[in-house]
Structures are given as C-alpha cells and as structure tokens.
C-alpha atoms as a PDB file:
ATOM      1  CA  MET A   1       0.000   0.000   0.000  1.00  0.00           C
ATOM      2  CA  LYS A   2       2.848   2.358   0.932  1.00  0.00           C
ATOM      3  CA  LEU A   3       4.684   1.504  -2.283  1.00  0.00           C
ATOM      4  CA  SER A   4       1.546   2.187  -4.330  1.00  0.00           C
ATOM      5  CA  GLN A   5       1.125   5.569  -2.652  1.00  0.00           C
ATOM      6  CA  GLU A   6       4.751   6.493  -3.349  1.00  0.00           C
ATOM      7  CA  LYS A   7       4.325   5.504  -7.007  1.00  0.00           C
ATOM      8  CA  TYR A   8       1.191   7.672  -7.197  1.00  0.00           C
ATOM      9  CA  GLU A   9       3.072  10.633  -5.677  1.00  0.00           C
ATOM     10  CA  ASN A  10       5.922  10.222  -8.168  1.00  0.00           C
ATOM     11  CA  ASN A  11       3.505  10.249 -11.108  1.00  0.00           C
ATOM     12  CA  ARG A  12       2.078  13.566 -10.025  1.00  0.00           C
ATOM     13  CA  THR A  13       3.519  16.601 -11.754  1.00  0.00           C
ATOM     14  CA  SER A  14       3.258  20.268 -10.918  1.00  0.00           C
ATOM     15  CA  LEU A  15       1.703  21.838 -14.015  1.00  0.00           C
ATOM     16  CA  THR A  16       2.593  25.390 -14.966  1.00  0.00           C
ATOM     17  CA  GLU A  17       0.101  25.704 -17.812  1.00  0.00           C
ATOM     18  CA  PHE A  18      -3.042  24.187 -19.322  1.00  0.00           C
ATOM     19  CA  TYR A  19      -4.097  23.418 -22.875  1.00  0.00           C
ATOM     20  CA  LEU A  20      -7.543  24.716 -23.920  1.00  0.00           C
ATOM     21  CA  VAL A  21      -9.076  22.317 -26.444  1.00  0.00           C
ATOM     22  CA  GLY A  22     -11.703  24.851 -27.562  1.00  0.00           C
ATOM     23  CA  PHE A  23     -13.226  23.862 -30.901  1.00  0.00           C
ATOM     24  CA  SER A  24     -10.033  22.323 -32.319  1.00  0.00           C
ATOM     25  CA  ASP A  25     -11.847  19.043 -33.023  1.00  0.00           C
ATOM     26  CA  LEU A  26     -13.915  20.708 -35.763  1.00  0.00           C
ATOM     27  CA  ALA A  27     -12.985  20.872 -39.443  1.00  0.00           C
ATOM     28  CA  PRO A  28     -10.610  23.745 -40.405  1.00  0.00           C
ATOM     29  CA  GLN A  29     -13.280  25.417 -42.571  1.00  0.00           C
ATOM     30  CA  VAL A  30     -15.732  25.398 -39.656  1.00  0.00           C
ATOM     31  CA  GLN A  31     -13.076  26.839 -37.349  1.00  0.00           C
ATOM     32  CA  VAL A  32     -12.424  29.718 -39.761  1.00  0.00           C
ATOM     33  CA  PHE A  33     -16.158  30.435 -39.953  1.00  0.00           C
ATOM     34  CA  LEU A  34     -16.527  30.371 -36.161  1.00  0.00           C
ATOM     35  CA  PHE A  35     -13.482  32.613 -35.720  1.00  0.00           C
ATOM     36  CA  LEU A  36     -14.953  35.248 -38.042  1.00  0.00           C
ATOM     37  CA  LEU A  37     -18.407  34.891 -36.463  1.00  0.00           C
ATOM     38  CA  PHE A  38     -17.148  35.271 -32.883  1.00  0.00           C
ATOM     39  CA  THR A  39     -14.874  38.171 -33.865  1.00  0.00           C
ATOM     40  CA  LEU A  40     -17.818  40.009 -35.425  1.00  0.00           C
ATOM     41  CA  ALA A  41     -19.993  39.229 -32.392  1.00  0.00           C
ATOM     42  CA  TYR A  42     -17.288  40.539 -30.035  1.00  0.00           C
ATOM     43  CA  LEU A  43     -16.859  43.801 -31.960  1.00  0.00           C
ATOM     44  CA  CYS A  44     -20.640  44.320 -32.128  1.00  0.00           C
ATOM     45  CA  THR A  45     -20.905  43.603 -28.398  1.00  0.00           C
ATOM     46  CA  LEU A  46     -18.267  46.203 -27.570  1.00  0.00           C
ATOM     47  CA  LEU A  47     -19.812  48.771 -29.909  1.00  0.00           C
ATOM     48  CA  GLY A  48     -23.371  48.223 -28.661  1.00  0.00           C
ATOM     49  CA  ASN A  49     -22.551  48.294 -24.964  1.00  0.00           C
ATOM     50  CA  VAL A  50     -20.187  51.273 -25.263  1.00  0.00           C
ATOM     51  CA  LEU A  51     -22.976  53.123 -27.095  1.00  0.00           C
ATOM     52  CA  ILE A  52     -25.419  52.417 -24.260  1.00  0.00           C
ATOM     53  CA  ILE A  53     -22.862  53.561 -21.687  1.00  0.00           C
ATOM     54  CA  THR A  54     -22.213  56.757 -23.648  1.00  0.00           C
ATOM     55  CA  ILE A  55     -25.901  57.514 -24.321  1.00  0.00           C
ATOM     56  CA  THR A  56     -27.080  56.960 -20.733  1.00  0.00           C
ATOM     57  CA  LYS A  57     -24.166  58.990 -19.407  1.00  0.00           C
ATOM     58  CA  SER A  58     -24.405  61.948 -21.789  1.00  0.00           C
ATOM     59  CA  ASP A  59     -28.202  62.440 -21.930  1.00  0.00           C
ATOM     60  CA  PRO A  60     -29.540  64.150 -18.738  1.00  0.00           C
ATOM     61  CA  ARG A  61     -33.002  62.676 -19.394  1.00  0.00           C
ATOM     62  CA  LEU A  62     -31.536  59.215 -18.854  1.00  0.00           C
ATOM     63  CA  HIS A  63     -29.960  60.005 -15.472  1.00  0.00           C
ATOM     64  CA  THR A  64     -32.496  57.814 -13.687  1.00  0.00           C
ATOM     65  CA  PRO A  65     -32.147  54.632 -11.603  1.00  0.00           C
ATOM     66  CA  MET A  66     -33.334  52.414 -14.476  1.00  0.00           C
ATOM     67  CA  TYR A  67     -30.667  53.679 -16.876  1.00  0.00           C
ATOM     68  CA  PHE A  68     -28.016  53.813 -14.163  1.00  0.00           C
ATOM     69  CA  LEU A  69     -28.555  50.073 -13.690  1.00  0.00           C
ATOM     70  CA  LEU A  70     -28.601  49.522 -17.461  1.00  0.00           C
ATOM     71  CA  ARG A  71     -25.298  51.398 -17.777  1.00  0.00           C
ATOM     72  CA  ASN A  72     -23.743  49.186 -15.108  1.00  0.00           C
ATOM     73  CA  LEU A  73     -25.019  46.092 -16.909  1.00  0.00           C
ATOM     74  CA  SER A  74     -23.338  47.297 -20.101  1.00  0.00           C
ATOM     75  CA  ILE A  75     -20.071  47.971 -18.257  1.00  0.00           C
ATOM     76  CA  GLN A  76     -20.262  44.462 -16.827  1.00  0.00           C
ATOM     77  CA  GLU A  77     -20.894  42.978 -20.288  1.00  0.00           C
ATOM     78  CA  VAL A  78     -17.905  44.788 -21.840  1.00  0.00           C
ATOM     79  CA  ILE A  79     -15.541  43.451 -19.175  1.00  0.00           C
ATOM     80  CA  PHE A  80     -17.149  39.989 -19.191  1.00  0.00           C
ATOM     81  CA  THR A  81     -16.717  39.464 -22.927  1.00  0.00           C
ATOM     82  CA  THR A  82     -13.161  40.805 -22.789  1.00  0.00           C
ATOM     83  CA  VAL A  83     -12.323  38.207 -20.134  1.00  0.00           C
ATOM     84  CA  THR A  84     -13.584  35.254 -22.207  1.00  0.00           C
ATOM     85  CA  VAL A  85     -13.911  35.998 -25.943  1.00  0.00           C
ATOM     86  CA  PRO A  86     -10.319  37.062 -26.849  1.00  0.00           C
ATOM     87  CA  LYS A  87      -8.999  33.790 -25.410  1.00  0.00           C
ATOM     88  CA  LEU A  88     -11.773  31.939 -27.247  1.00  0.00           C
ATOM     89  CA  LEU A  89     -10.534  33.502 -30.503  1.00  0.00           C
ATOM     90  CA  ALA A  90      -6.934  32.616 -29.609  1.00  0.00           C
ATOM     91  CA  THR A  91      -7.829  28.918 -29.273  1.00  0.00           C
ATOM     92  CA  PHE A  92      -8.434  28.741 -33.027  1.00  0.00           C
ATOM     93  CA  GLN A  93      -4.622  28.934 -33.385  1.00  0.00           C
ATOM     94  CA  PRO A  94      -2.540  26.044 -31.938  1.00  0.00           C
ATOM     95  CA  LEU A  95      -0.114  28.412 -30.178  1.00  0.00           C
ATOM     96  CA  GLY A  96      -2.992  30.305 -28.582  1.00  0.00           C
ATOM     97  CA  ARG A  97      -4.413  27.289 -26.792  1.00  0.00           C
ATOM     98  CA  ARG A  98      -1.809  27.348 -24.041  1.00  0.00           C
ATOM     99  CA  ILE A  99      -2.697  29.269 -20.867  1.00  0.00           C
ATOM    100  CA  SER A 100      -0.509  29.575 -17.780  1.00  0.00           C
ATOM    101  CA  LEU A 101      -1.776  28.470 -14.391  1.00  0.00           C
ATOM    102  CA  THR A 102      -1.775  32.087 -13.202  1.00  0.00           C
ATOM    103  CA  ALA A 103      -3.655  33.347 -16.256  1.00  0.00           C
ATOM    104  CA  CYS A 104      -6.153  30.490 -15.883  1.00  0.00           C
ATOM    105  CA  ALA A 105      -6.789  31.407 -12.241  1.00  0.00           C
ATOM    106  CA  ALA A 106      -7.157  35.089 -13.161  1.00  0.00           C
ATOM    107  CA  GLN A 107      -9.617  34.328 -15.956  1.00  0.00           C
ATOM    108  CA  MET A 108     -11.625  32.046 -13.691  1.00  0.00           C
ATOM    109  CA  PHE A 109     -11.684  34.702 -10.958  1.00  0.00           C
ATOM    110  CA  PHE A 110     -12.907  37.562 -13.142  1.00  0.00           C
ATOM    111  CA  PHE A 111     -15.352  35.307 -14.980  1.00  0.00           C
ATOM    112  CA  SER A 112     -16.862  34.326 -11.608  1.00  0.00           C
ATOM    113  CA  VAL A 113     -16.950  37.906 -10.339  1.00  0.00           C
ATOM    114  CA  LEU A 114     -18.761  39.130 -13.440  1.00  0.00           C
ATOM    115  CA  GLY A 115     -21.105  36.138 -13.622  1.00  0.00           C
ATOM    116  CA  VAL A 116     -22.280  36.537 -10.023  1.00  0.00           C
ATOM    117  CA  THR A 117     -22.516  40.311 -10.461  1.00  0.00           C
ATOM    118  CA  GLU A 118     -24.728  39.961 -13.534  1.00  0.00           C
ATOM    119  CA  CYS A 119     -27.080  37.528 -11.763  1.00  0.00           C
ATOM    120  CA  PHE A 120     -27.596  39.920  -8.864  1.00  0.00           C
ATOM    121  CA  LEU A 121     -27.711  42.983 -11.102  1.00  0.00           C
ATOM    122  CA  LEU A 122     -30.567  41.488 -13.130  1.00  0.00           C
ATOM    123  CA  GLY A 123     -32.344  40.849  -9.825  1.00  0.00           C
ATOM    124  CA  VAL A 124     -31.883  44.486  -8.811  1.00  0.00           C
ATOM    125  CA  MET A 125     -33.197  45.626 -12.205  1.00  0.00           C
ATOM    126  CA  ALA A 126     -36.290  43.462 -11.694  1.00  0.00           C
ATOM    127  CA  CYS A 127     -36.883  45.053  -8.287  1.00  0.00           C
ATOM    128  CA  ASP A 128     -36.507  48.498  -9.866  1.00  0.00           C
ATOM    129  CA  ARG A 129     -39.215  47.700 -12.452  1.00  0.00           C
ATOM    130  CA  TYR A 130     -41.403  46.135  -9.749  1.00  0.00           C
ATOM    131  CA  ILE A 131     -41.341  49.282  -7.607  1.00  0.00           C
ATOM    132  CA  ALA A 132     -41.771  51.593 -10.623  1.00  0.00           C
ATOM    133  CA  ILE A 133     -44.852  49.726 -11.883  1.00  0.00           C
ATOM    134  CA  CYS A 134     -46.454  48.371  -8.717  1.00  0.00           C
ATOM    135  CA  ASP A 135     -45.697  51.248  -6.340  1.00  0.00           C
ATOM    136  CA  PRO A 136     -45.065  54.299  -8.580  1.00  0.00           C
ATOM    137  CA  LEU A 137     -45.924  56.908  -5.925  1.00  0.00           C
ATOM    138  CA  ARG A 138     -43.083  55.745  -3.684  1.00  0.00           C
ATOM    139  CA  TYR A 139     -40.617  54.963  -6.483  1.00  0.00           C
ATOM    140  CA  VAL A 140     -38.698  58.261  -6.274  1.00  0.00           C
ATOM    141  CA  SER A 141     -38.284  58.009  -2.504  1.00  0.00           C
ATOM    142  CA  ILE A 142     -37.257  54.317  -2.567  1.00  0.00           C
ATOM    143  CA  MET A 143     -35.029  54.093  -5.652  1.00  0.00           C
ATOM    144  CA  THR A 144     -32.749  57.044  -5.017  1.00  0.00           C
ATOM    145  CA  MET A 145     -29.361  57.250  -6.702  1.00  0.00           C
ATOM    146  CA  GLN A 146     -27.719  56.565  -3.327  1.00  0.00           C
ATOM    147  CA  THR A 147     -29.743  53.362  -3.042  1.00  0.00           C
ATOM    148  CA  CYS A 148     -28.806  52.335  -6.589  1.00  0.00           C
ATOM    149  CA  VAL A 149     -25.103  52.937  -5.951  1.00  0.00           C
ATOM    150  CA  LEU A 150     -25.323  50.888  -2.758  1.00  0.00           C
ATOM    151  CA  LEU A 151     -27.112  48.007  -4.500  1.00  0.00           C
ATOM    152  CA  VAL A 152     -24.616  47.941  -7.383  1.00  0.00           C
ATOM    153  CA  THR A 153     -21.716  48.030  -4.913  1.00  0.00           C
ATOM    154  CA  VAL A 154     -23.189  45.061  -3.029  1.00  0.00           C
ATOM    155  CA  THR A 155     -23.556  43.072  -6.273  1.00  0.00           C
ATOM    156  CA  TRP A 156     -19.899  43.642  -7.180  1.00  0.00           C
ATOM    157  CA  PHE A 157     -18.709  42.911  -3.643  1.00  0.00           C
ATOM    158  CA  SER A 158     -20.708  39.652  -3.608  1.00  0.00           C
ATOM    159  CA  GLY A 159     -19.071  38.651  -6.891  1.00  0.00           C
ATOM    160  CA  PHE A 160     -15.554  39.303  -5.582  1.00  0.00           C
ATOM    161  CA  LEU A 161     -16.225  37.453  -2.329  1.00  0.00           C
ATOM    162  CA  VAL A 162     -17.655  34.332  -3.976  1.00  0.00           C
ATOM    163  CA  ALA A 163     -15.047  34.244  -6.754  1.00  0.00           C
ATOM    164  CA  PHE A 164     -12.122  34.596  -4.354  1.00  0.00           C
ATOM    165  CA  GLU A 165     -13.323  31.676  -2.241  1.00  0.00           C
ATOM    166  CA  LEU A 166     -14.022  29.340  -5.176  1.00  0.00           C
ATOM    167  CA  VAL A 167     -10.804  30.114  -7.062  1.00  0.00           C
ATOM    168  CA  LEU A 168      -8.698  29.756  -3.915  1.00  0.00           C
ATOM    169  CA  LEU A 169     -10.335  26.391  -3.238  1.00  0.00           C
ATOM    170  CA  THR A 170      -9.796  25.253  -6.845  1.00  0.00           C
ATOM    171  CA  PHE A 171      -6.138  26.229  -7.159  1.00  0.00           C
ATOM    172  CA  SER A 172      -5.165  24.850  -3.776  1.00  0.00           C
ATOM    173  CA  LEU A 173      -5.408  21.431  -5.457  1.00  0.00           C
ATOM    174  CA  THR A 174      -2.556  19.590  -7.178  1.00  0.00           C
ATOM    175  CA  TYR A 175      -2.985  18.981 -10.901  1.00  0.00           C
ATOM    176  CA  CYS A 176      -1.863  15.821 -12.676  1.00  0.00           C
ATOM    177  CA  ALA A 177      -0.008  15.236 -15.935  1.00  0.00           C
ATOM    178  CA  ASP A 178      -3.153  15.630 -18.083  1.00  0.00           C
ATOM    179  CA  ASP A 179      -3.259  19.334 -19.010  1.00  0.00           C
ATOM    180  CA  LYS A 180      -6.112  19.383 -21.571  1.00  0.00           C
ATOM    181  CA  ILE A 181      -9.156  21.463 -20.573  1.00  0.00           C
ATOM    182  CA  ASN A 182     -12.071  20.511 -22.805  1.00  0.00           C
ATOM    183  CA  HIS A 183     -13.402  24.050 -22.973  1.00  0.00           C
ATOM    184  CA  PHE A 184     -12.592  27.439 -24.539  1.00  0.00           C
ATOM    185  CA  PHE A 185     -11.902  29.160 -21.207  1.00  0.00           C
ATOM    186  CA  CYS A 186     -10.954  28.185 -17.649  1.00  0.00           C
ATOM    187  CA  ASP A 187     -14.254  27.180 -16.091  1.00  0.00           C
ATOM    188  CA  PHE A 188     -14.490  25.349 -12.769  1.00  0.00           C
ATOM    189  CA  SER A 189     -15.832  21.920 -13.767  1.00  0.00           C
ATOM    190  CA  PRO A 190     -13.414  21.260 -16.682  1.00  0.00           C
ATOM    191  CA  VAL A 191     -10.440  22.372 -14.583  1.00  0.00           C
ATOM    192  CA  LEU A 192     -11.449  20.276 -11.556  1.00  0.00           C
ATOM    193  CA  LYS A 193     -11.489  17.151 -13.749  1.00  0.00           C
ATOM    194  CA  LEU A 194      -7.715  17.494 -14.135  1.00  0.00           C
ATOM    195  CA  ALA A 195      -7.009  17.635 -10.396  1.00  0.00           C
ATOM    196  CA  CYS A 196      -5.339  14.803  -8.509  1.00  0.00           C
ATOM    197  CA  GLY A 197      -7.085  13.255  -5.534  1.00  0.00           C
ATOM    198  CA  ASP A 198     -10.552  13.911  -4.124  1.00  0.00           C
ATOM    199  CA  THR A 199     -12.404  16.947  -5.503  1.00  0.00           C
ATOM    200  CA  SER A 200     -15.786  16.212  -3.906  1.00  0.00           C
ATOM    201  CA  ILE A 201     -15.572  19.246  -1.591  1.00  0.00           C
ATOM    202  CA  ASN A 202     -14.882  21.521  -4.556  1.00  0.00           C
ATOM    203  CA  VAL A 203     -17.723  20.032  -6.609  1.00  0.00           C
ATOM    204  CA  ILE A 204     -20.194  20.342  -3.732  1.00  0.00           C
ATOM    205  CA  SER A 205     -19.058  23.904  -2.991  1.00  0.00           C
ATOM    206  CA  LEU A 206     -19.451  24.889  -6.644  1.00  0.00           C
ATOM    207  CA  PHE A 207     -22.934  23.350  -6.798  1.00  0.00           C
ATOM    208  CA  VAL A 208     -24.109  25.017  -3.562  1.00  0.00           C
ATOM    209  CA  VAL A 209     -22.778  28.401  -4.629  1.00  0.00           C
ATOM    210  CA  SER A 210     -24.333  28.015  -8.093  1.00  0.00           C
ATOM    211  CA  VAL A 211     -27.713  27.162  -6.571  1.00  0.00           C
ATOM    212  CA  PHE A 212     -27.581  30.123  -4.208  1.00  0.00           C
ATOM    213  CA  MET A 213     -26.199  32.660  -6.688  1.00  0.00           C
ATOM    214  CA  MET A 214     -28.617  31.694  -9.473  1.00  0.00           C
ATOM    215  CA  LEU A 215     -31.797  30.689  -7.686  1.00  0.00           C
ATOM    216  CA  LEU A 216     -31.884  33.594  -5.214  1.00  0.00           C
ATOM    217  CA  PRO A 217     -31.910  36.334  -7.886  1.00  0.00           C
ATOM    218  CA  PHE A 218     -34.060  34.169 -10.153  1.00  0.00           C
ATOM    219  CA  LEU A 219     -36.748  33.774  -7.481  1.00  0.00           C
ATOM    220  CA  LEU A 220     -36.561  37.521  -6.838  1.00  0.00           C
ATOM    221  CA  ILE A 221     -37.046  38.193 -10.557  1.00  0.00           C
ATOM    222  CA  LEU A 222     -39.890  35.674 -10.727  1.00  0.00           C
ATOM    223  CA  TYR A 223     -41.664  37.273  -7.741  1.00  0.00           C
ATOM    224  CA  SER A 224     -41.199  40.765  -9.206  1.00  0.00           C
ATOM    225  CA  TYR A 225     -42.625  39.856 -12.593  1.00  0.00           C
ATOM    226  CA  ILE A 226     -45.581  37.937 -11.196  1.00  0.00           C
ATOM    227  CA  ASN A 227     -46.568  41.120  -9.390  1.00  0.00           C
ATOM    228  CA  ILE A 228     -45.800  43.243 -12.437  1.00  0.00           C
ATOM    229  CA  LEU A 229     -47.983  41.003 -14.615  1.00  0.00           C
ATOM    230  CA  SER A 230     -50.807  41.258 -12.096  1.00  0.00           C
ATOM    231  CA  THR A 231     -50.541  45.054 -12.136  1.00  0.00           C
ATOM    232  CA  ILE A 232     -50.429  45.185 -15.942  1.00  0.00           C
ATOM    233  CA  LEU A 233     -53.585  43.106 -16.264  1.00  0.00           C
ATOM    234  CA  GLN A 234     -55.402  45.569 -14.016  1.00  0.00           C
ATOM    235  CA  MET A 235     -54.501  48.544 -16.222  1.00  0.00           C
ATOM    236  CA  LYS A 236     -57.414  50.002 -18.167  1.00  0.00           C
ATOM    237  CA  SER A 237     -55.268  51.705 -20.799  1.00  0.00           C
ATOM    238  CA  SER A 238     -54.060  49.429 -23.596  1.00  0.00           C
ATOM    239  CA  VAL A 239     -51.342  51.990 -24.397  1.00  0.00           C
ATOM    240  CA  GLY A 240     -50.079  51.777 -20.821  1.00  0.00           C
ATOM    241  CA  ARG A 241     -50.036  47.975 -20.948  1.00  0.00           C
ATOM    242  CA  CYS A 242     -48.055  47.982 -24.204  1.00  0.00           C
ATOM    243  CA  LYS A 243     -45.505  50.450 -22.803  1.00  0.00           C
ATOM    244  CA  VAL A 244     -44.938  48.364 -19.671  1.00  0.00           C
ATOM    245  CA  PHE A 245     -44.712  45.125 -21.668  1.00  0.00           C
ATOM    246  CA  SER A 246     -42.147  46.755 -23.974  1.00  0.00           C
ATOM    247  CA  THR A 247     -40.020  47.958 -21.067  1.00  0.00           C
ATOM    248  CA  CYS A 248     -40.100  44.677 -19.145  1.00  0.00           C
ATOM    249  CA  GLY A 249     -39.985  42.336 -22.140  1.00  0.00           C
ATOM    250  CA  SER A 250     -36.347  43.150 -22.851  1.00  0.00           C
ATOM    251  CA  HIS A 251     -35.376  42.351 -19.293  1.00  0.00           C
ATOM    252  CA  LEU A 252     -37.169  39.004 -19.424  1.00  0.00           C
ATOM    253  CA  VAL A 253     -35.361  38.024 -22.640  1.00  0.00           C
ATOM    254  CA  SER A 254     -31.978  38.726 -20.982  1.00  0.00           C
ATOM    255  CA  VAL A 255     -33.002  36.751 -17.912  1.00  0.00           C
ATOM    256  CA  ALA A 256     -34.180  33.776 -20.000  1.00  0.00           C
ATOM    257  CA  LEU A 257     -30.921  33.639 -21.984  1.00  0.00           C
ATOM    258  CA  LEU A 258     -28.634  33.980 -18.978  1.00  0.00           C
ATOM    259  CA  TYR A 259     -30.441  31.773 -16.483  1.00  0.00           C
ATOM    260  CA  GLY A 260     -31.594  29.208 -19.034  1.00  0.00           C
ATOM    261  CA  SER A 261     -28.080  28.396 -20.217  1.00  0.00           C
ATOM    262  CA  GLY A 262     -26.401  29.006 -16.841  1.00  0.00           C
ATOM    263  CA  MET A 263     -28.676  26.694 -14.878  1.00  0.00           C
ATOM    264  CA  VAL A 264     -28.281  23.870 -17.389  1.00  0.00           C
ATOM    265  CA  VAL A 265     -24.472  24.163 -17.261  1.00  0.00           C
ATOM    266  CA  TYR A 266     -23.977  24.563 -13.496  1.00  0.00           C
ATOM    267  CA  LEU A 267     -26.989  22.844 -11.923  1.00  0.00           C
ATOM    268  CA  ARG A 268     -27.233  19.659 -13.981  1.00  0.00           C
ATOM    269  CA  THR A 269     -26.004  16.153 -13.261  1.00  0.00           C
ATOM    270  CA  PRO A 270     -22.862  15.334 -15.308  1.00  0.00           C
ATOM    271  CA  THR A 271     -23.406  13.021 -18.280  1.00  0.00           C
ATOM    272  CA  GLY A 272     -21.267  11.584 -21.026  1.00  0.00           C
ATOM    273  CA  ASP A 273     -21.946  14.409 -23.459  1.00  0.00           C
ATOM    274  CA  SER A 274     -21.894  17.138 -20.819  1.00  0.00           C
ATOM    275  CA  GLU A 275     -18.536  18.577 -21.922  1.00  0.00           C
ATOM    276  CA  SER A 276     -19.522  19.148 -25.545  1.00  0.00           C
ATOM    277  CA  SER A 277     -22.982  20.460 -24.713  1.00  0.00           C
ATOM    278  CA  GLY A 278     -21.475  22.559 -21.915  1.00  0.00           C
ATOM    279  CA  LYS A 279     -19.238  24.365 -24.403  1.00  0.00           C
ATOM    280  CA  LEU A 280     -22.172  25.121 -26.680  1.00  0.00           C
ATOM    281  CA  LEU A 281     -24.347  26.373 -23.820  1.00  0.00           C
ATOM    282  CA  SER A 282     -21.479  28.476 -22.492  1.00  0.00           C
ATOM    283  CA  LEU A 283     -21.451  30.312 -25.820  1.00  0.00           C
ATOM    284  CA  LEU A 284     -24.957  31.595 -25.022  1.00  0.00           C
ATOM    285  CA  TYR A 285     -23.915  33.494 -21.903  1.00  0.00           C
ATOM    286  CA  CYS A 286     -20.347  34.272 -23.024  1.00  0.00           C
ATOM    287  CA  VAL A 287     -21.178  35.499 -26.550  1.00  0.00           C
ATOM    288  CA  GLY A 288     -24.942  35.484 -27.106  1.00  0.00           C
ATOM    289  CA  THR A 289     -26.292  37.422 -24.116  1.00  0.00           C
ATOM    290  CA  PRO A 290     -23.705  40.258 -24.189  1.00  0.00           C
ATOM    291  CA  LEU A 291     -24.352  40.659 -27.933  1.00  0.00           C
ATOM    292  CA  LEU A 292     -28.149  40.670 -27.682  1.00  0.00           C
ATOM    293  CA  ASN A 293     -28.499  42.911 -24.617  1.00  0.00           C
ATOM    294  CA  PRO A 294     -27.669  46.195 -26.433  1.00  0.00           C
ATOM    295  CA  LEU A 295     -29.943  45.228 -29.342  1.00  0.00           C
ATOM    296  CA  ILE A 296     -32.808  44.289 -27.021  1.00  0.00           C
ATOM    297  CA  TYR A 297     -32.591  47.372 -24.831  1.00  0.00           C
ATOM    298  CA  SER A 298     -31.988  49.881 -27.635  1.00  0.00           C
ATOM    299  CA  LEU A 299     -34.398  48.592 -30.287  1.00  0.00           C
ATOM    300  CA  ARG A 300     -37.283  48.218 -27.826  1.00  0.00           C
ATOM    301  CA  ASN A 301     -36.671  51.427 -25.873  1.00  0.00           C
ATOM    302  CA  GLN A 302     -37.780  54.762 -27.315  1.00  0.00           C
ATOM    303  CA  GLU A 303     -35.863  56.814 -24.732  1.00  0.00           C
ATOM    304  CA  VAL A 304     -32.578  55.132 -25.650  1.00  0.00           C
ATOM    305  CA  LYS A 305     -33.329  55.752 -29.328  1.00  0.00           C
ATOM    306  CA  ARG A 306     -33.965  59.435 -28.651  1.00  0.00           C
ATOM    307  CA  GLY A 307     -30.759  59.602 -26.632  1.00  0.00           C
ATOM    308  CA  LEU A 308     -28.846  58.036 -29.540  1.00  0.00           C
ATOM    309  CA  TRP A 309     -30.200  60.570 -32.058  1.00  0.00           C
ATOM    310  CA  SER A 310     -29.432  63.427 -29.647  1.00  0.00           C
ATOM    311  CA  LEU A 311     -25.863  62.155 -29.328  1.00  0.00           C
ATOM    312  CA  ILE A 312     -25.492  61.897 -33.129  1.00  0.00           C
ATOM    313  CA  ARG A 313     -26.838  65.434 -33.624  1.00  0.00           C
ATOM    314  CA  ARG A 314     -24.453  66.839 -31.016  1.00  0.00           C
ATOM    315  CA  LYS A 315     -21.485  65.120 -32.675  1.00  0.00           C
ATOM    316  CA  LEU A 316     -22.509  66.412 -36.102  1.00  0.00           C
ATOM    317  CA  ILE A 317     -22.838  69.980 -34.817  1.00  0.00           C
ATOM    318  CA  GLU A 318     -19.414  69.778 -33.184  1.00  0.00           C
END
C-alpha cells in the first residue's frame, strides 16, 4: 500500500500551464467560420454596450435609476466578454491554446466575479421595475441614486467574495499530468477534472454556490414579474399595458438567456456528453447574451433611441 502511494506521488507533476481544447476538433473550414463569427460578435458587443454607456451617461433625461442600472449592466458585459472571448478567438490557433496556471486562475476569478454580479444585477433591475410599476408613488423616494449605488456596490462585492473563495479552493489542489481542458476558457468543472485526488468538496461547494447565486436572484425576478404582470392586467389603458410590456420584455429576454443556459451548465447532473454540450451552452452566456443585450434594450426602448439621435446630432454639430 505504501509503495503504491509512493508511485502515485511520483507520477504527479506540478503543471505550470493548461491546454484549452476549444473547438479544435472541428474541421478547419468550420473553425475559420466560427473565428470570423465570434470576432464580429465581439466587436458588435463592444460597440453596442459602449454606445449604451455613452448615451445613458451623456443624456440628462436618462440620469435615472433604471438607466443607471442599465449602464452598469453594459459595463459588466464589456468586461465579461473581454475576459472570455479574446482567449476563445486565440484557441483557433494552436499556439494560442496554451494558458498559464496564473492566467487560468485570473480568468476564472474575473469570470466568476462578473457572472455573479450579472445575476444579482438582473435581480436588482427586476426590483426596480417592480417598484416603478407596482408602487409608482413611492418609487422616487425608494429608488434614489444613493440606493442604486449601494445596491450595485453590493452586487460587485458579492461577486468578488464568492469568486475569491471558489478560485482559492480550486487552485489549492494539485494537478496531474493531463493538461487538456475541454473548454474554450478556464471554467471550474473542466479544470477540476484534471485535479489529482478527491475533488468532492470543490464540486459540492461549486454546486451550492451556483444554486444560491442563481436561484436567489431568479426567485426575486420571478416574484417581481408575477406582481408586475398582475398590475399590468389591471390597467385600463391598452397603451399603458403595451408600454410596460415593452419595457419589461427586454429584461425578461436577458433573464431567459442567462439563467436558461447558466442553470443547465452549473446545476445539472454530469453526463457523457456534458462537456460538448457545456461548451455550446457556455457560448450563449459568453457570446450570445452580451451581444443581444444592447440590441434588445436599444431597439425596444424609445428613450434610448432618442438619446442616440441626440448624441449623433451633437457630434454632427461639433
């Protein structure tokens, strides 16, 4: 038994880098197509979110809690995509698939921070719409800018706290000779599969945190929109109902995309095809949601459209 343990210890190696498999198993023509598609999506994401940040910051009419929260969501999306997508694009080249242990930990940390922050931020945005629609007379006194700043600060702090604990727990493990991560970025589950020894504590911790960080905001969003729907149905004006549906519909689309893909990836029981399907689902919240959010919020929001035209006119006059 002692000899077997010594042999096991000798076979363990201290890795200094990982190899991201990405989509290298696909045909070269498909990889070229995906590279161009993801590059275009990344550029459009940056452009769309930077536009929303600029519009909501420059137009005094949009200096309200709703657009303050929207601006913070766009800031989060810009950083989030920059953490994941450039490395995704690099994995289409053999030399770009290598990632150092430190860079992997850093990517995992910031990915976790931004993921948790977005979950809670969407919950805060749902509460904002709930108060505005269901209790409009008290909205101004409840949703002050000081309250919004405090809520956004708490969401970011929660993200940093959770990410620090999970990443520290993950990289306190020893990793074996197998360095291939079957993913396009350093996510927890694919990395943990390469660890030596027992990872049950890490897996349980990740599952518990995922349940708490996803279900808590999700239940808050669900409660908010049940009440919002009840209030909408009681409205006598069809114009008022359409306006509220338009405002809240965009938020619900973002929630469905993020939570739908996120819950399947992090709250499911592992199966044989979980790695391949996990990569595809991860594309939804790494590429799809950040790309669609600016389109959803701008195309369905008349105030953002007016702010955009005001910004264009000002730039033309200058």
